[in-house]
Amino acid sequence: MMTSKDGLYNLKTVKDQANANNAVAAINADFFSWDGTGFGYPIGFTMKDGEVTSSAYYKNATKDTMATFLLDAKNSPLYKYMKMESATISNGNGESIDVAEINKISGDYLTPVIFTPEFNSTSPGNSKLWDMVEFVVEDGKLKEVRDCKVGATIPKDGYVICARLDN
């Protein structure tokens, strides 16, 4: 899977991505939520080198809406309706949190969202919601809690969890 070298959020044309990756051929294989300024994110499920880079389309949880094309470990093709019913992050103390999505902009962040380095160099922060709280996790440890601030730098060996204050 090719994406912009600047992350999933920084959309580039298929031609630009193919040129940057010295690809012989390239196919635009996903729909994107586009904000009209060159930023957005893939609507569907994406995976690269065995790691989930973007969670499944939320409507797939109740109805097979958007299918995904995958290659398994033997490069055999799979065509399925991927679902992300829930993801949970837990610490060594038995505490856990359910996460709604991975690398997707949310309209309300009423359920936490994880942003990994594949998304962008920074998290969304309070760009649209003044009461955003972010938890910066690096090397499996909570590094910083950010309350109502601009986006945090996403650690290369970590992630940022974004949620609203009420959660």
Foldseek 3Di string as FASTA:
>chain_A
DWAPPQAQFQHDDQVVRCVVVVHPDGDDDFDWDDPPPRTTHTQAWDDDPRHTQWHGRAVLQPPQDDWDWDQPPVRDIDIGRDHDPWDWDDAPVGDIFIADIELHDDPAQQGKYKYASNNGQWDAACVPPQAKWKFAAAPNHTDDIDGRDGTDGHDNRTIMIIHGPVD
